[in-house]
Amino acid sequence: MWGENVPYHRLWLFDLAHRTLSIAGHLGDRHVVELAQRPDGGPLAVISWDCPEYEPGLFTAWLHVIDPEAGATHDLGQAMFDARAPAWWHAADGWHVCYLAETPPIWFGAAVFAVAVDGGGEHRNLTTGMVACPTGLVHIADGPPLALFADGLDAALCRLNPDTQRFHRVSSWQGYADGLSASSQGAVIITARVSTTYEPRDIHAGTPEGPLVRLSDTRPEVREITWGVQERFAYNAADGLALDGLLIVPPGRGRHDGPLPLITLVHG
């Protein structure tokens, strides 16, 4: 049977002195998805699901703050679908927790949500009105988090403005990027997967404002391939929505060799 005997993840604490394990917090039978410790070494922000099954409508996500030392669990309410990547940030009114989640009824359009730890439990969408789609989120010390966005055919690194609670662009990179991580002070950014027009995904590093340097070389053999030339173009849908496209001409051919057979891949 599909999904039978899928293991549930639990949150355990390992006591180094006594070399013993114990369950952390009071989550019952909930499936632990991800966690992030507060940058000052404080409690944990924990995301849990009803079950490990990834199926819209089958589970609900919850956001918790767990103090391992006190054994206390503070529920911050139900999170949006497929909640993941928790990140902390500190504002004038105290600590907040951000996370990535989908926005029903569009199951593949992520957004960044935030909730005040000591507030009323409202989960606010910090990306309302943005046309870019967040793919990564990390906290930087006790300041506002950094977020990675898929923006058209490229990637954008943005920082949350604590006053407006809106994301502002710091830099842009050609191609697609996800898997964002950063040093504690945000001086060095590492994007675990960056791919460009003619190169597969590799690990890159750099400063938020500067260029990225490739650190890994996972597929050197692809440099022996003669690729078709990719041309970017933009157009408007019938309702005026701006869209991006790529025209890929066969290797060794050009527009002057046309008309050529055309295959169209429409991405929803």
C-alpha atoms as a PDB file:
ATOM      1  CA  MET A   1       0.000   0.000   0.000  1.00  0.00           C
ATOM      2  CA  TRP A   2       1.301   3.447  -0.914  1.00  0.00           C
ATOM      3  CA  GLY A   3       2.751   5.226   2.118  1.00  0.00           C
ATOM      4  CA  GLU A   4       2.546   2.235   4.421  1.00  0.00           C
ATOM      5  CA  ASN A   5       5.128   2.120   7.216  1.00  0.00           C
ATOM      6  CA  VAL A   6       6.544   5.555   6.429  1.00  0.00           C
ATOM      7  CA  PRO A   7       8.830   6.471   9.362  1.00  0.00           C
ATOM      8  CA  TYR A   8       7.974   9.454  11.553  1.00  0.00           C
ATOM      9  CA  HIS A   9      10.767  11.819  12.563  1.00  0.00           C
ATOM     10  CA  ARG A  10      11.074  12.751  16.232  1.00  0.00           C
ATOM     11  CA  LEU A  11      13.044  15.424  18.061  1.00  0.00           C
ATOM     12  CA  TRP A  12      15.571  13.898  20.464  1.00  0.00           C
ATOM     13  CA  LEU A  13      18.129  15.404  22.828  1.00  0.00           C
ATOM     14  CA  PHE A  14      21.466  13.719  23.416  1.00  0.00           C
ATOM     15  CA  ASP A  15      22.993  14.265  26.868  1.00  0.00           C
ATOM     16  CA  LEU A  16      26.754  14.313  26.312  1.00  0.00           C
ATOM     17  CA  ALA A  17      27.590  13.904  29.985  1.00  0.00           C
ATOM     18  CA  HIS A  18      25.394  10.869  30.629  1.00  0.00           C
ATOM     19  CA  ARG A  19      25.232   9.683  26.967  1.00  0.00           C
ATOM     20  CA  THR A  20      21.468   9.282  27.091  1.00  0.00           C
ATOM     21  CA  LEU A  21      18.656  10.184  24.684  1.00  0.00           C
ATOM     22  CA  SER A  22      15.338  11.799  25.563  1.00  0.00           C
ATOM     23  CA  ILE A  23      12.378  13.193  23.614  1.00  0.00           C
ATOM     24  CA  ALA A  24      12.434  17.015  23.388  1.00  0.00           C
ATOM     25  CA  GLY A  25       9.255  19.011  23.773  1.00  0.00           C
ATOM     26  CA  HIS A  26       5.655  17.857  23.789  1.00  0.00           C
ATOM     27  CA  LEU A  27       4.720  17.127  20.176  1.00  0.00           C
ATOM     28  CA  GLY A  28       2.928  13.830  20.670  1.00  0.00           C
ATOM     29  CA  ASP A  29       2.902  11.747  17.496  1.00  0.00           C
ATOM     30  CA  ARG A  30       3.596  14.642  15.146  1.00  0.00           C
ATOM     31  CA  HIS A  31       6.207  14.258  12.410  1.00  0.00           C
ATOM     32  CA  VAL A  32       9.135  16.671  12.891  1.00  0.00           C
ATOM     33  CA  VAL A  33      10.143  18.256   9.583  1.00  0.00           C
ATOM     34  CA  GLU A  34      12.763  20.918  10.315  1.00  0.00           C
ATOM     35  CA  LEU A  35      14.169  23.014  13.142  1.00  0.00           C
ATOM     36  CA  ALA A  36      16.387  26.051  13.685  1.00  0.00           C
ATOM     37  CA  GLN A  37      17.962  27.209  16.932  1.00  0.00           C
ATOM     38  CA  ARG A  38      17.641  30.871  17.832  1.00  0.00           C
ATOM     39  CA  PRO A  39      20.930  32.606  16.880  1.00  0.00           C
ATOM     40  CA  ASP A  40      21.674  33.566  20.483  1.00  0.00           C
ATOM     41  CA  GLY A  41      21.647  29.911  21.524  1.00  0.00           C
ATOM     42  CA  GLY A  42      18.069  30.055  22.822  1.00  0.00           C
ATOM     43  CA  PRO A  43      15.085  27.808  22.023  1.00  0.00           C
ATOM     44  CA  LEU A  44      14.321  25.889  18.847  1.00  0.00           C
ATOM     45  CA  ALA A  45      11.804  26.807  16.149  1.00  0.00           C
ATOM     46  CA  VAL A  46      10.300  23.481  15.078  1.00  0.00           C
ATOM     47  CA  ILE A  47       7.952  22.671  12.195  1.00  0.00           C
ATOM     48  CA  SER A  48       5.840  19.527  12.479  1.00  0.00           C
ATOM     49  CA  TRP A  49       3.288  17.768  10.283  1.00  0.00           C
ATOM     50  CA  ASP A  50       0.482  15.375  11.200  1.00  0.00           C
ATOM     51  CA  CYS A  51       2.225  12.658   9.185  1.00  0.00           C
ATOM     52  CA  PRO A  52       5.150  12.256   6.770  1.00  0.00           C
ATOM     53  CA  GLU A  53       2.895  11.915   3.697  1.00  0.00           C
ATOM     54  CA  TYR A  54       3.446  14.727   1.194  1.00  0.00           C
ATOM     55  CA  GLU A  55      -0.067  15.107  -0.163  1.00  0.00           C
ATOM     56  CA  PRO A  56      -2.123  18.341  -0.258  1.00  0.00           C
ATOM     57  CA  GLY A  57      -4.950  18.198   2.248  1.00  0.00           C
ATOM     58  CA  LEU A  58      -3.616  15.099   3.977  1.00  0.00           C
ATOM     59  CA  PHE A  59      -1.712  16.869   6.735  1.00  0.00           C
ATOM     60  CA  THR A  60      -1.545  20.158   8.593  1.00  0.00           C
ATOM     61  CA  ALA A  61       1.679  21.891   9.574  1.00  0.00           C
ATOM     62  CA  TRP A  62       2.281  23.514  12.960  1.00  0.00           C
ATOM     63  CA  LEU A  63       4.975  25.847  14.195  1.00  0.00           C
ATOM     64  CA  HIS A  64       6.394  25.391  17.701  1.00  0.00           C
ATOM     65  CA  VAL A  65       9.036  26.965  19.910  1.00  0.00           C
ATOM     66  CA  ILE A  66      10.722  24.383  22.145  1.00  0.00           C
ATOM     67  CA  ASP A  67      13.037  25.180  25.055  1.00  0.00           C
ATOM     68  CA  PRO A  68      15.137  22.013  25.483  1.00  0.00           C
ATOM     69  CA  GLU A  69      16.478  23.000  28.906  1.00  0.00           C
ATOM     70  CA  ALA A  70      13.098  23.826  30.428  1.00  0.00           C
ATOM     71  CA  GLY A  71      11.267  21.142  28.456  1.00  0.00           C
ATOM     72  CA  ALA A  72       8.586  23.696  27.518  1.00  0.00           C
ATOM     73  CA  THR A  73       6.720  23.770  24.195  1.00  0.00           C
ATOM     74  CA  HIS A  74       5.012  26.932  22.938  1.00  0.00           C
ATOM     75  CA  ASP A  75       2.731  26.455  19.926  1.00  0.00           C
ATOM     76  CA  LEU A  76       2.673  29.330  17.429  1.00  0.00           C
ATOM     77  CA  GLY A  77      -0.350  27.983  15.603  1.00  0.00           C
ATOM     78  CA  GLN A  78      -1.063  26.232  12.336  1.00  0.00           C
ATOM     79  CA  ALA A  79       1.368  27.026   9.533  1.00  0.00           C
ATOM     80  CA  MET A  80       0.677  27.057   5.817  1.00  0.00           C
ATOM     81  CA  PHE A  81       0.941  23.968   3.630  1.00  0.00           C
ATOM     82  CA  ASP A  82       4.370  22.352   3.244  1.00  0.00           C
ATOM     83  CA  ALA A  83       5.919  24.681   5.860  1.00  0.00           C
ATOM     84  CA  ARG A  84       9.728  24.398   5.907  1.00  0.00           C
ATOM     85  CA  ALA A  85      13.012  26.312   6.361  1.00  0.00           C
ATOM     86  CA  PRO A  86      12.365  28.107   9.690  1.00  0.00           C
ATOM     87  CA  ALA A  87      14.478  31.212  10.344  1.00  0.00           C
ATOM     88  CA  TRP A  88      14.631  33.636  13.287  1.00  0.00           C
ATOM     89  CA  TRP A  89      14.899  37.416  13.298  1.00  0.00           C
ATOM     90  CA  HIS A  90      14.764  40.034  16.022  1.00  0.00           C
ATOM     91  CA  ALA A  91      12.680  43.209  15.813  1.00  0.00           C
ATOM     92  CA  ALA A  92      11.726  46.018  18.194  1.00  0.00           C
ATOM     93  CA  ASP A  93       8.819  43.938  19.514  1.00  0.00           C
ATOM     94  CA  GLY A  94      10.911  40.819  20.126  1.00  0.00           C
ATOM     95  CA  TRP A  95      11.731  37.603  18.289  1.00  0.00           C
ATOM     96  CA  HIS A  96       9.928  36.437  15.149  1.00  0.00           C
ATOM     97  CA  VAL A  97      10.037  33.179  13.192  1.00  0.00           C
ATOM     98  CA  CYS A  98       9.828  33.073   9.381  1.00  0.00           C
ATOM     99  CA  TYR A  99       9.296  30.045   7.185  1.00  0.00           C
ATOM    100  CA  LEU A 100       8.629  29.038   3.586  1.00  0.00           C
ATOM    101  CA  ALA A 101       5.287  27.517   2.608  1.00  0.00           C
ATOM    102  CA  GLU A 102       2.958  27.043  -0.334  1.00  0.00           C
ATOM    103  CA  THR A 103      -0.038  29.293  -0.952  1.00  0.00           C
ATOM    104  CA  PRO A 104      -3.204  27.295  -1.770  1.00  0.00           C
ATOM    105  CA  PRO A 105      -4.873  26.858  -4.154  1.00  0.00           C
ATOM    106  CA  ILE A 106      -1.562  27.195  -6.041  1.00  0.00           C
ATOM    107  CA  TRP A 107       0.454  24.339  -4.549  1.00  0.00           C
ATOM    108  CA  PHE A 108       3.720  25.316  -6.259  1.00  0.00           C
ATOM    109  CA  GLY A 109       3.912  29.044  -5.493  1.00  0.00           C
ATOM    110  CA  ALA A 110       5.939  29.484  -2.323  1.00  0.00           C
ATOM    111  CA  ALA A 111       5.786  32.503  -0.006  1.00  0.00           C
ATOM    112  CA  VAL A 112       7.542  33.659   3.165  1.00  0.00           C
ATOM    113  CA  PHE A 113       5.411  33.827   6.303  1.00  0.00           C
ATOM    114  CA  ALA A 114       6.311  35.303   9.697  1.00  0.00           C
ATOM    115  CA  VAL A 115       4.834  35.131  13.185  1.00  0.00           C
ATOM    116  CA  ALA A 116       5.806  36.965  16.373  1.00  0.00           C
ATOM    117  CA  VAL A 117       6.834  34.550  19.112  1.00  0.00           C
ATOM    118  CA  ASP A 118       5.189  36.656  21.810  1.00  0.00           C
ATOM    119  CA  GLY A 119       2.428  38.046  19.599  1.00  0.00           C
ATOM    120  CA  GLY A 120      -1.100  37.038  18.763  1.00  0.00           C
ATOM    121  CA  GLY A 121      -0.145  34.130  16.517  1.00  0.00           C
ATOM    122  CA  GLU A 122      -0.969  35.746  13.146  1.00  0.00           C
ATOM    123  CA  HIS A 123       1.040  34.210  10.295  1.00  0.00           C
ATOM    124  CA  ARG A 124       1.735  37.157   7.962  1.00  0.00           C
ATOM    125  CA  ASN A 125       2.687  36.747   4.302  1.00  0.00           C
ATOM    126  CA  LEU A 126       5.797  38.883   3.785  1.00  0.00           C
ATOM    127  CA  THR A 127       5.867  38.294   0.020  1.00  0.00           C
ATOM    128  CA  THR A 128       2.363  39.486  -0.877  1.00  0.00           C
ATOM    129  CA  GLY A 129       2.417  41.197  -4.260  1.00  0.00           C
ATOM    130  CA  MET A 130       5.835  39.885  -5.276  1.00  0.00           C
ATOM    131  CA  VAL A 131       6.070  38.061  -8.596  1.00  0.00           C
ATOM    132  CA  ALA A 132       9.299  36.250  -7.616  1.00  0.00           C
ATOM    133  CA  CYS A 133       9.108  32.875  -5.855  1.00  0.00           C
ATOM    134  CA  PRO A 134      11.269  32.236  -2.740  1.00  0.00           C
ATOM    135  CA  THR A 135      13.461  29.128  -2.852  1.00  0.00           C
ATOM    136  CA  GLY A 136      15.596  29.624   0.273  1.00  0.00           C
ATOM    137  CA  LEU A 137      15.518  31.356   3.660  1.00  0.00           C
ATOM    138  CA  VAL A 138      18.215  31.765   6.351  1.00  0.00           C
ATOM    139  CA  HIS A 139      18.623  33.828   9.506  1.00  0.00           C
ATOM    140  CA  ILE A 140      21.612  36.114  10.000  1.00  0.00           C
ATOM    141  CA  ALA A 141      22.670  36.568  13.655  1.00  0.00           C
ATOM    142  CA  ASP A 142      19.769  38.439  15.306  1.00  0.00           C
ATOM    143  CA  GLY A 143      19.038  40.621  12.249  1.00  0.00           C
ATOM    144  CA  PRO A 144      16.486  40.240   9.442  1.00  0.00           C
ATOM    145  CA  PRO A 145      16.795  37.088   7.318  1.00  0.00           C
ATOM    146  CA  LEU A 146      18.073  36.646   3.781  1.00  0.00           C
ATOM    147  CA  ALA A 147      15.896  34.988   1.159  1.00  0.00           C
ATOM    148  CA  LEU A 148      16.679  33.550  -2.242  1.00  0.00           C
ATOM    149  CA  PHE A 149      14.092  34.072  -4.994  1.00  0.00           C
ATOM    150  CA  ALA A 150      13.527  32.574  -8.424  1.00  0.00           C
ATOM    151  CA  ASP A 151      12.915  35.752 -10.421  1.00  0.00           C
ATOM    152  CA  GLY A 152      11.987  35.069 -14.027  1.00  0.00           C
ATOM    153  CA  LEU A 153      14.909  33.178 -15.562  1.00  0.00           C
ATOM    154  CA  ASP A 154      17.360  34.235 -12.849  1.00  0.00           C
ATOM    155  CA  ALA A 155      17.872  34.266  -9.078  1.00  0.00           C
ATOM    156  CA  ALA A 156      17.756  37.204  -6.668  1.00  0.00           C
ATOM    157  CA  LEU A 157      19.117  37.477  -3.141  1.00  0.00           C
ATOM    158  CA  CYS A 158      16.956  39.703  -0.939  1.00  0.00           C
ATOM    159  CA  ARG A 159      17.081  40.928   2.650  1.00  0.00           C
ATOM    160  CA  LEU A 160      14.036  41.628   4.794  1.00  0.00           C
ATOM    161  CA  ASN A 161      13.620  45.287   5.788  1.00  0.00           C
ATOM    162  CA  PRO A 162      12.584  45.171   9.470  1.00  0.00           C
ATOM    163  CA  ASP A 163      10.741  48.500   9.228  1.00  0.00           C
ATOM    164  CA  THR A 164       8.612  47.834   6.150  1.00  0.00           C
ATOM    165  CA  GLN A 165       8.704  44.018   6.570  1.00  0.00           C
ATOM    166  CA  ARG A 166       9.259  43.724   2.829  1.00  0.00           C
ATOM    167  CA  PHE A 167      12.104  42.032   0.978  1.00  0.00           C
ATOM    168  CA  HIS A 168      14.566  44.227  -0.913  1.00  0.00           C
ATOM    169  CA  ARG A 169      17.010  42.992  -3.545  1.00  0.00           C
ATOM    170  CA  VAL A 170      20.683  42.769  -2.554  1.00  0.00           C
ATOM    171  CA  SER A 171      22.093  41.122  -5.672  1.00  0.00           C
ATOM    172  CA  SER A 172      21.117  39.043  -8.709  1.00  0.00           C
ATOM    173  CA  TRP A 173      22.627  35.952 -10.309  1.00  0.00           C
ATOM    174  CA  GLN A 174      22.063  34.449 -13.723  1.00  0.00           C
ATOM    175  CA  GLY A 175      20.396  31.057 -13.714  1.00  0.00           C
ATOM    176  CA  TYR A 176      18.590  29.109 -11.008  1.00  0.00           C
ATOM    177  CA  ALA A 177      19.699  28.809  -7.386  1.00  0.00           C
ATOM    178  CA  ASP A 178      18.388  27.154  -4.223  1.00  0.00           C
ATOM    179  CA  GLY A 179      19.735  25.544  -1.064  1.00  0.00           C
ATOM    180  CA  LEU A 180      20.770  28.854   0.519  1.00  0.00           C
ATOM    181  CA  SER A 181      22.999  28.868   3.602  1.00  0.00           C
ATOM    182  CA  ALA A 182      25.059  31.603   5.234  1.00  0.00           C
ATOM    183  CA  SER A 183      27.620  32.324   7.917  1.00  0.00           C
ATOM    184  CA  SER A 184      26.286  33.554  11.228  1.00  0.00           C
ATOM    185  CA  GLN A 185      26.909  37.208  10.390  1.00  0.00           C
ATOM    186  CA  GLY A 186      25.869  36.942   6.752  1.00  0.00           C
ATOM    187  CA  ALA A 187      29.306  37.887   5.423  1.00  0.00           C
ATOM    188  CA  VAL A 188      29.576  34.735   3.305  1.00  0.00           C
ATOM    189  CA  ILE A 189      26.728  33.216   1.330  1.00  0.00           C
ATOM    190  CA  ILE A 190      26.780  29.641   0.096  1.00  0.00           C
ATOM    191  CA  THR A 191      24.163  28.489  -2.372  1.00  0.00           C
ATOM    192  CA  ALA A 192      24.266  24.731  -2.477  1.00  0.00           C
ATOM    193  CA  ARG A 193      22.862  24.454  -5.997  1.00  0.00           C
ATOM    194  CA  VAL A 194      23.434  27.044  -8.714  1.00  0.00           C
ATOM    195  CA  SER A 195      22.897  26.239 -12.383  1.00  0.00           C
ATOM    196  CA  THR A 196      23.340  28.495 -15.390  1.00  0.00           C
ATOM    197  CA  THR A 197      22.418  28.238 -19.042  1.00  0.00           C
ATOM    198  CA  TYR A 198      25.180  25.799 -19.972  1.00  0.00           C
ATOM    199  CA  GLU A 199      26.360  24.462 -16.599  1.00  0.00           C
ATOM    200  CA  PRO A 200      24.645  21.984 -14.225  1.00  0.00           C
ATOM    201  CA  ARG A 201      24.141  22.610 -10.519  1.00  0.00           C
ATOM    202  CA  ASP A 202      27.277  23.229  -8.482  1.00  0.00           C
ATOM    203  CA  ILE A 203      28.133  24.723  -5.110  1.00  0.00           C
ATOM    204  CA  HIS A 204      29.001  28.419  -5.202  1.00  0.00           C
ATOM    205  CA  ALA A 205      30.109  30.881  -2.497  1.00  0.00           C
ATOM    206  CA  GLY A 206      30.542  34.613  -2.166  1.00  0.00           C
ATOM    207  CA  THR A 207      29.440  37.767  -0.362  1.00  0.00           C
ATOM    208  CA  PRO A 208      25.846  39.000  -0.591  1.00  0.00           C
ATOM    209  CA  GLU A 209      26.781  41.966  -2.795  1.00  0.00           C
ATOM    210  CA  GLY A 210      29.613  40.366  -4.741  1.00  0.00           C
ATOM    211  CA  PRO A 211      29.911  37.712  -7.458  1.00  0.00           C
ATOM    212  CA  LEU A 212      29.732  34.007  -6.676  1.00  0.00           C
ATOM    213  CA  VAL A 213      32.670  31.646  -7.129  1.00  0.00           C
ATOM    214  CA  ARG A 214      32.090  28.031  -8.112  1.00  0.00           C
ATOM    215  CA  LEU A 215      33.577  25.629  -5.529  1.00  0.00           C
ATOM    216  CA  SER A 216      32.601  22.235  -6.924  1.00  0.00           C
ATOM    217  CA  ASP A 217      32.836  20.660 -10.367  1.00  0.00           C
ATOM    218  CA  THR A 218      30.355  17.815 -10.388  1.00  0.00           C
ATOM    219  CA  ARG A 219      29.972  17.388 -14.156  1.00  0.00           C
ATOM    220  CA  PRO A 220      33.166  18.409 -15.997  1.00  0.00           C
ATOM    221  CA  GLU A 221      32.245  16.135 -18.900  1.00  0.00           C
ATOM    222  CA  VAL A 222      29.400  18.414 -20.000  1.00  0.00           C
ATOM    223  CA  ARG A 223      31.982  20.970 -21.145  1.00  0.00           C
ATOM    224  CA  GLU A 224      32.718  18.574 -24.015  1.00  0.00           C
ATOM    225  CA  ILE A 225      29.148  18.961 -25.282  1.00  0.00           C
ATOM    226  CA  THR A 226      28.235  21.441 -27.991  1.00  0.00           C
ATOM    227  CA  TRP A 227      25.054  23.052 -26.741  1.00  0.00           C
ATOM    228  CA  GLY A 228      22.331  24.700 -28.719  1.00  0.00           C
ATOM    229  CA  VAL A 229      22.428  28.467 -28.343  1.00  0.00           C
ATOM    230  CA  GLN A 230      19.782  29.801 -25.931  1.00  0.00           C
ATOM    231  CA  GLU A 231      18.130  33.125 -26.640  1.00  0.00           C
ATOM    232  CA  ARG A 232      16.028  34.878 -24.025  1.00  0.00           C
ATOM    233  CA  PHE A 233      12.831  36.646 -24.975  1.00  0.00           C
ATOM    234  CA  ALA A 234       9.914  38.257 -23.162  1.00  0.00           C
ATOM    235  CA  TYR A 235       6.264  38.605 -24.117  1.00  0.00           C
ATOM    236  CA  ASN A 236       2.893  39.349 -22.589  1.00  0.00           C
ATOM    237  CA  ALA A 237       0.047  36.921 -22.035  1.00  0.00           C
ATOM    238  CA  ALA A 238      -3.464  37.738 -23.192  1.00  0.00           C
ATOM    239  CA  ASP A 239      -4.220  39.352 -19.821  1.00  0.00           C
ATOM    240  CA  GLY A 240      -1.042  41.461 -19.932  1.00  0.00           C
ATOM    241  CA  LEU A 241       1.054  39.287 -17.579  1.00  0.00           C
ATOM    242  CA  ALA A 242       4.762  39.544 -18.452  1.00  0.00           C
ATOM    243  CA  LEU A 243       6.270  36.142 -19.284  1.00  0.00           C
ATOM    244  CA  ASP A 244       9.792  34.881 -19.956  1.00  0.00           C
ATOM    245  CA  GLY A 245      10.881  32.373 -22.543  1.00  0.00           C
ATOM    246  CA  LEU A 246      13.907  30.626 -24.009  1.00  0.00           C
ATOM    247  CA  LEU A 247      14.469  29.868 -27.683  1.00  0.00           C
ATOM    248  CA  ILE A 248      17.012  27.067 -28.120  1.00  0.00           C
ATOM    249  CA  VAL A 249      18.472  26.761 -31.623  1.00  0.00           C
ATOM    250  CA  PRO A 250      20.009  23.355 -32.533  1.00  0.00           C
ATOM    251  CA  PRO A 251      23.797  23.118 -32.219  1.00  0.00           C
ATOM    252  CA  GLY A 252      25.577  24.482 -35.270  1.00  0.00           C
ATOM    253  CA  ARG A 253      22.420  26.135 -36.587  1.00  0.00           C
ATOM    254  CA  GLY A 254      21.140  29.683 -36.510  1.00  0.00           C
ATOM    255  CA  ARG A 255      18.040  31.681 -37.284  1.00  0.00           C
ATOM    256  CA  HIS A 256      19.245  32.085 -40.889  1.00  0.00           C
ATOM    257  CA  ASP A 257      18.970  28.280 -41.324  1.00  0.00           C
ATOM    258  CA  GLY A 258      15.222  28.364 -40.714  1.00  0.00           C
ATOM    259  CA  PRO A 259      12.470  27.691 -40.807  1.00  0.00           C
ATOM    260  CA  LEU A 260      13.318  24.876 -38.372  1.00  0.00           C
ATOM    261  CA  PRO A 261      11.012  22.332 -36.685  1.00  0.00           C
ATOM    262  CA  LEU A 262       9.699  23.759 -33.405  1.00  0.00           C
ATOM    263  CA  ILE A 263       8.981  21.949 -30.155  1.00  0.00           C
ATOM    264  CA  THR A 264       7.205  24.032 -27.501  1.00  0.00           C
ATOM    265  CA  LEU A 265       7.491  23.232 -23.797  1.00  0.00           C
ATOM    266  CA  VAL A 266       4.894  25.238 -21.871  1.00  0.00           C
ATOM    267  CA  HIS A 267       5.629  25.493 -18.140  1.00  0.00           C
ATOM    268  CA  GLY A 268       2.544  26.206 -16.021  1.00  0.00           C
END
